[in-house]
Amino acid sequence: MKKKQVLVACGAGIATSTVVNGAIKEMAKEHDLKVDLVQIKVAEVGSYVDTADLLVTTAMTKKEYPFPVINARSFLTGIGTEDTKKQILEELQK
């Protein structure tokens, strides 16, 4: 299975994306999945349209991308985090 490039984006590319990054890293390890995590600002997503397999973001994005976009706001609120993790995992396992 090829390594999936996962973009982890928040408004500034620092705080919340670090939390989400850690969670994805953990899941990947647990399920023996190969991921290449790229932590960026949401404004930088456009430069990865040719290489990314998935975008996980805590910021709002109205743009359409050629890869799935998962809203990870739950990591900020703590509500629904498990569901978000399930969504991410399903995408990684495709």
N, C-alpha and C. Protein backbone atom coordinates (compact mmCIF):
# COMPACT_ATOMS: atom_id res chain seq x y z
N MET A 1 0.84 -1.18 0.00
CA MET A 1 0.00 0.00 0.00
C MET A 1 0.89 1.25 0.00
N LYS A 2 0.53 2.19 -0.87
CA LYS A 2 1.38 3.38 -0.94
C LYS A 2 1.15 4.29 0.26
N LYS A 3 2.19 5.02 0.57
CA LYS A 3 2.12 5.96 1.69
C LYS A 3 1.17 7.08 1.30
N LYS A 4 0.27 7.43 2.17
CA LYS A 4 -0.69 8.50 1.87
C LYS A 4 -0.20 9.82 2.42
N GLN A 5 -0.31 10.85 1.58
CA GLN A 5 0.07 12.18 2.07
C GLN A 5 -1.18 12.82 2.69
N VAL A 6 -1.08 13.12 3.97
CA VAL A 6 -2.19 13.71 4.68
C VAL A 6 -1.82 15.14 5.08
N LEU A 7 -2.61 16.08 4.61
CA LEU A 7 -2.39 17.47 4.98
C LEU A 7 -3.17 17.74 6.26
N VAL A 8 -2.50 18.32 7.24
CA VAL A 8 -3.16 18.68 8.48
C VAL A 8 -3.07 20.20 8.56
N ALA A 9 -4.22 20.86 8.40
CA ALA A 9 -4.20 22.31 8.32
C ALA A 9 -5.09 22.98 9.34
N CYS A 10 -4.58 24.08 9.88
CA CYS A 10 -5.43 24.94 10.70
C CYS A 10 -5.16 26.36 10.23
N GLY A 11 -5.84 27.31 10.82
CA GLY A 11 -5.68 28.69 10.39
C GLY A 11 -4.23 29.13 10.31
N ALA A 12 -3.46 28.87 11.37
CA ALA A 12 -2.08 29.34 11.42
C ALA A 12 -1.05 28.24 11.19
N GLY A 13 -1.50 26.98 11.16
CA GLY A 13 -0.56 25.87 10.94
C GLY A 13 0.23 25.49 12.18
N ILE A 14 -0.24 25.94 13.35
CA ILE A 14 0.53 25.62 14.55
C ILE A 14 -0.28 24.83 15.57
N ALA A 15 -1.07 25.51 16.38
CA ALA A 15 -1.67 24.89 17.56
C ALA A 15 -2.53 23.66 17.31
N THR A 16 -3.71 23.86 16.74
CA THR A 16 -4.63 22.71 16.64
C THR A 16 -4.12 21.65 15.69
N SER A 17 -3.39 22.06 14.66
CA SER A 17 -2.92 21.04 13.72
C SER A 17 -1.92 20.10 14.41
N THR A 18 -1.24 20.60 15.43
CA THR A 18 -0.31 19.75 16.17
C THR A 18 -1.06 18.63 16.90
N VAL A 19 -2.19 18.98 17.49
CA VAL A 19 -3.02 18.00 18.19
C VAL A 19 -3.55 16.95 17.22
N VAL A 20 -4.09 17.42 16.09
CA VAL A 20 -4.64 16.52 15.09
C VAL A 20 -3.54 15.64 14.51
N ASN A 21 -2.40 16.24 14.25
CA ASN A 21 -1.24 15.53 13.75
C ASN A 21 -0.90 14.33 14.64
N GLY A 22 -0.85 14.60 15.95
CA GLY A 22 -0.53 13.56 16.92
C GLY A 22 -1.54 12.42 16.88
N ALA A 23 -2.81 12.78 16.77
CA ALA A 23 -3.87 11.77 16.75
C ALA A 23 -3.76 10.90 15.51
N ILE A 24 -3.48 11.50 14.36
CA ILE A 24 -3.37 10.73 13.12
C ILE A 24 -2.14 9.82 13.17
N LYS A 25 -1.05 10.36 13.70
CA LYS A 25 0.17 9.57 13.83
C LYS A 25 -0.09 8.32 14.66
N GLU A 26 -0.81 8.51 15.75
CA GLU A 26 -1.15 7.41 16.65
C GLU A 26 -2.00 6.36 15.94
N MET A 27 -3.03 6.82 15.22
CA MET A 27 -3.91 5.91 14.48
C MET A 27 -3.14 5.12 13.44
N ALA A 28 -2.29 5.83 12.72
CA ALA A 28 -1.51 5.18 11.67
C ALA A 28 -0.66 4.06 12.26
N LYS A 29 -0.05 4.36 13.41
CA LYS A 29 0.80 3.36 14.06
C LYS A 29 -0.03 2.16 14.51
N GLU A 30 -1.16 2.44 15.16
CA GLU A 30 -2.06 1.39 15.65
C GLU A 30 -2.53 0.45 14.55
N HIS A 31 -2.81 1.03 13.37
CA HIS A 31 -3.37 0.24 12.28
C HIS A 31 -2.34 -0.09 11.21
N ASP A 32 -1.10 0.17 11.52
CA ASP A 32 0.01 -0.13 10.62
C ASP A 32 -0.19 0.49 9.23
N LEU A 33 -0.51 1.78 9.21
CA LEU A 33 -0.72 2.50 7.96
C LEU A 33 0.44 3.45 7.73
N LYS A 34 0.81 3.60 6.48
CA LYS A 34 1.91 4.50 6.16
C LYS A 34 1.36 5.87 5.77
N VAL A 35 1.72 6.87 6.54
CA VAL A 35 1.26 8.22 6.21
C VAL A 35 2.42 9.20 6.23
N ASP A 36 2.27 10.18 5.37
CA ASP A 36 3.24 11.26 5.31
C ASP A 36 2.45 12.49 5.75
N LEU A 37 2.65 12.92 6.98
CA LEU A 37 1.88 14.04 7.52
C LEU A 37 2.55 15.37 7.21
N VAL A 38 1.77 16.29 6.65
CA VAL A 38 2.30 17.60 6.32
C VAL A 38 1.46 18.63 7.06
N GLN A 39 2.08 19.32 7.99
CA GLN A 39 1.38 20.31 8.80
C GLN A 39 1.52 21.68 8.14
N ILE A 40 0.38 22.27 7.76
CA ILE A 40 0.41 23.53 7.02
C ILE A 40 -0.69 24.50 7.48
N LYS A 41 -0.61 25.71 6.94
CA LYS A 41 -1.70 26.67 7.12
C LYS A 41 -2.73 26.32 6.05
N VAL A 42 -3.99 26.56 6.34
CA VAL A 42 -5.04 26.21 5.38
C VAL A 42 -4.83 26.96 4.06
N ALA A 43 -4.22 28.13 4.11
CA ALA A 43 -3.97 28.91 2.90
C ALA A 43 -2.98 28.22 1.95
N GLU A 44 -2.21 27.26 2.48
CA GLU A 44 -1.18 26.60 1.66
C GLU A 44 -1.66 25.31 0.99
N VAL A 45 -2.89 24.91 1.28
CA VAL A 45 -3.40 23.63 0.75
C VAL A 45 -3.30 23.55 -0.77
N GLY A 46 -3.56 24.66 -1.44
CA GLY A 46 -3.53 24.69 -2.90
C GLY A 46 -2.24 24.18 -3.51
N SER A 47 -1.14 24.35 -2.81
CA SER A 47 0.15 23.91 -3.38
C SER A 47 0.34 22.39 -3.31
N TYR A 48 -0.60 21.70 -2.69
CA TYR A 48 -0.47 20.24 -2.55
C TYR A 48 -1.52 19.46 -3.35
N VAL A 49 -2.29 20.15 -4.20
CA VAL A 49 -3.37 19.45 -4.89
C VAL A 49 -2.91 18.26 -5.72
N ASP A 50 -1.68 18.28 -6.18
CA ASP A 50 -1.19 17.17 -7.01
C ASP A 50 -0.66 15.99 -6.22
N THR A 51 -0.38 16.20 -4.94
CA THR A 51 0.27 15.13 -4.18
C THR A 51 -0.54 14.61 -3.01
N ALA A 52 -1.44 15.41 -2.47
CA ALA A 52 -2.15 15.02 -1.25
C ALA A 52 -3.24 13.99 -1.50
N ASP A 53 -3.48 13.14 -0.49
CA ASP A 53 -4.54 12.14 -0.55
C ASP A 53 -5.71 12.52 0.33
N LEU A 54 -5.45 13.40 1.29
CA LEU A 54 -6.48 13.74 2.26
C LEU A 54 -6.13 15.05 2.96
N LEU A 55 -7.17 15.84 3.25
CA LEU A 55 -6.97 17.07 4.02
C LEU A 55 -7.78 16.95 5.30
N VAL A 56 -7.13 17.13 6.42
CA VAL A 56 -7.81 17.14 7.71
C VAL A 56 -7.59 18.55 8.25
N THR A 57 -8.68 19.28 8.45
CA THR A 57 -8.51 20.67 8.84
C THR A 57 -9.44 21.11 9.96
N THR A 58 -8.95 22.02 10.79
CA THR A 58 -9.77 22.60 11.85
C THR A 58 -10.26 23.98 11.42
N ALA A 59 -9.81 24.42 10.25
CA ALA A 59 -10.23 25.72 9.73
C ALA A 59 -11.37 25.51 8.74
N MET A 60 -12.09 26.55 8.45
CA MET A 60 -13.16 26.45 7.47
C MET A 60 -12.55 26.58 6.08
N THR A 61 -12.98 25.71 5.19
CA THR A 61 -12.53 25.87 3.82
C THR A 61 -13.72 25.66 2.90
N LYS A 62 -13.89 26.59 1.98
CA LYS A 62 -15.03 26.51 1.05
C LYS A 62 -14.57 25.96 -0.29
N LYS A 63 -13.27 25.87 -0.45
CA LYS A 63 -12.73 25.42 -1.74
C LYS A 63 -13.00 23.95 -1.97
N GLU A 64 -13.01 23.59 -3.25
CA GLU A 64 -13.14 22.19 -3.63
C GLU A 64 -11.75 21.67 -3.94
N TYR A 65 -11.44 20.49 -3.42
CA TYR A 65 -10.14 19.90 -3.69
C TYR A 65 -10.35 18.52 -4.31
N PRO A 66 -9.33 18.02 -5.02
CA PRO A 66 -9.46 16.70 -5.66
C PRO A 66 -9.31 15.55 -4.68
N PHE A 67 -9.24 15.85 -3.39
CA PHE A 67 -9.10 14.79 -2.38
C PHE A 67 -10.12 15.07 -1.28
N PRO A 68 -10.44 14.05 -0.48
CA PRO A 68 -11.42 14.25 0.59
C PRO A 68 -10.94 15.27 1.62
N VAL A 69 -11.90 16.01 2.16
CA VAL A 69 -11.60 17.00 3.19
C VAL A 69 -12.39 16.59 4.44
N ILE A 70 -11.68 16.41 5.54
CA ILE A 70 -12.35 16.05 6.79
C ILE A 70 -12.23 17.21 7.76
N ASN A 71 -13.38 17.62 8.27
CA ASN A 71 -13.43 18.71 9.23
C ASN A 71 -13.05 18.16 10.61
N ALA A 72 -11.98 18.67 11.17
CA ALA A 72 -11.49 18.17 12.46
C ALA A 72 -11.75 19.14 13.60
N ARG A 73 -12.79 19.96 13.45
CA ARG A 73 -13.15 20.91 14.50
C ARG A 73 -13.37 20.23 15.83
N SER A 74 -13.81 18.97 15.78
CA SER A 74 -14.10 18.23 17.02
C SER A 74 -12.88 18.16 17.93
N PHE A 75 -11.68 18.26 17.34
CA PHE A 75 -10.47 18.22 18.15
C PHE A 75 -10.35 19.48 19.00
N LEU A 76 -11.02 20.55 18.58
CA LEU A 76 -11.00 21.80 19.34
C LEU A 76 -12.01 21.75 20.47
N THR A 77 -13.19 21.18 20.15
CA THR A 77 -14.28 21.19 21.12
C THR A 77 -14.25 19.97 22.03
N GLY A 78 -13.63 18.88 21.53
CA GLY A 78 -13.62 17.66 22.31
C GLY A 78 -14.91 16.86 22.13
N ILE A 79 -15.83 17.39 21.31
CA ILE A 79 -17.10 16.72 21.07
C ILE A 79 -17.06 16.05 19.70
N GLY A 80 -17.28 14.74 19.67
CA GLY A 80 -17.32 14.03 18.39
C GLY A 80 -15.95 13.64 17.86
N THR A 81 -14.93 13.72 18.70
CA THR A 81 -13.57 13.40 18.25
C THR A 81 -13.47 11.97 17.73
N GLU A 82 -14.14 11.04 18.40
CA GLU A 82 -14.06 9.64 17.98
C GLU A 82 -14.62 9.45 16.57
N ASP A 83 -15.73 10.14 16.27
CA ASP A 83 -16.32 10.05 14.93
C ASP A 83 -15.36 10.59 13.88
N THR A 84 -14.73 11.71 14.22
CA THR A 84 -13.77 12.31 13.28
C THR A 84 -12.62 11.34 13.05
N LYS A 85 -12.13 10.72 14.12
CA LYS A 85 -11.03 9.77 13.99
C LYS A 85 -11.44 8.60 13.09
N LYS A 86 -12.68 8.13 13.25
CA LYS A 86 -13.19 7.03 12.42
C LYS A 86 -13.17 7.43 10.95
N GLN A 87 -13.63 8.66 10.67
CA GLN A 87 -13.65 9.16 9.28
C GLN A 87 -12.25 9.17 8.70
N ILE A 88 -11.32 9.69 9.48
CA ILE A 88 -9.93 9.78 9.02
C ILE A 88 -9.38 8.38 8.74
N LEU A 89 -9.63 7.48 9.67
CA LEU A 89 -9.14 6.12 9.52
C LEU A 89 -9.72 5.45 8.27
N GLU A 90 -11.01 5.64 8.04
CA GLU A 90 -11.64 5.06 6.85
C GLU A 90 -10.96 5.54 5.57
N GLU A 91 -10.67 6.84 5.52
CA GLU A 91 -10.00 7.40 4.35
C GLU A 91 -8.59 6.83 4.19
N LEU A 92 -7.89 6.68 5.31
CA LEU A 92 -6.51 6.17 5.25
C LEU A 92 -6.47 4.72 4.81
N GLN A 93 -7.54 3.97 5.11
CA GLN A 93 -7.55 2.56 4.78
C GLN A 93 -8.01 2.27 3.36
N LYS A 94 -8.45 3.28 2.63
CA LYS A 94 -8.94 3.09 1.26
C LYS A 94 -7.81 2.72 0.33
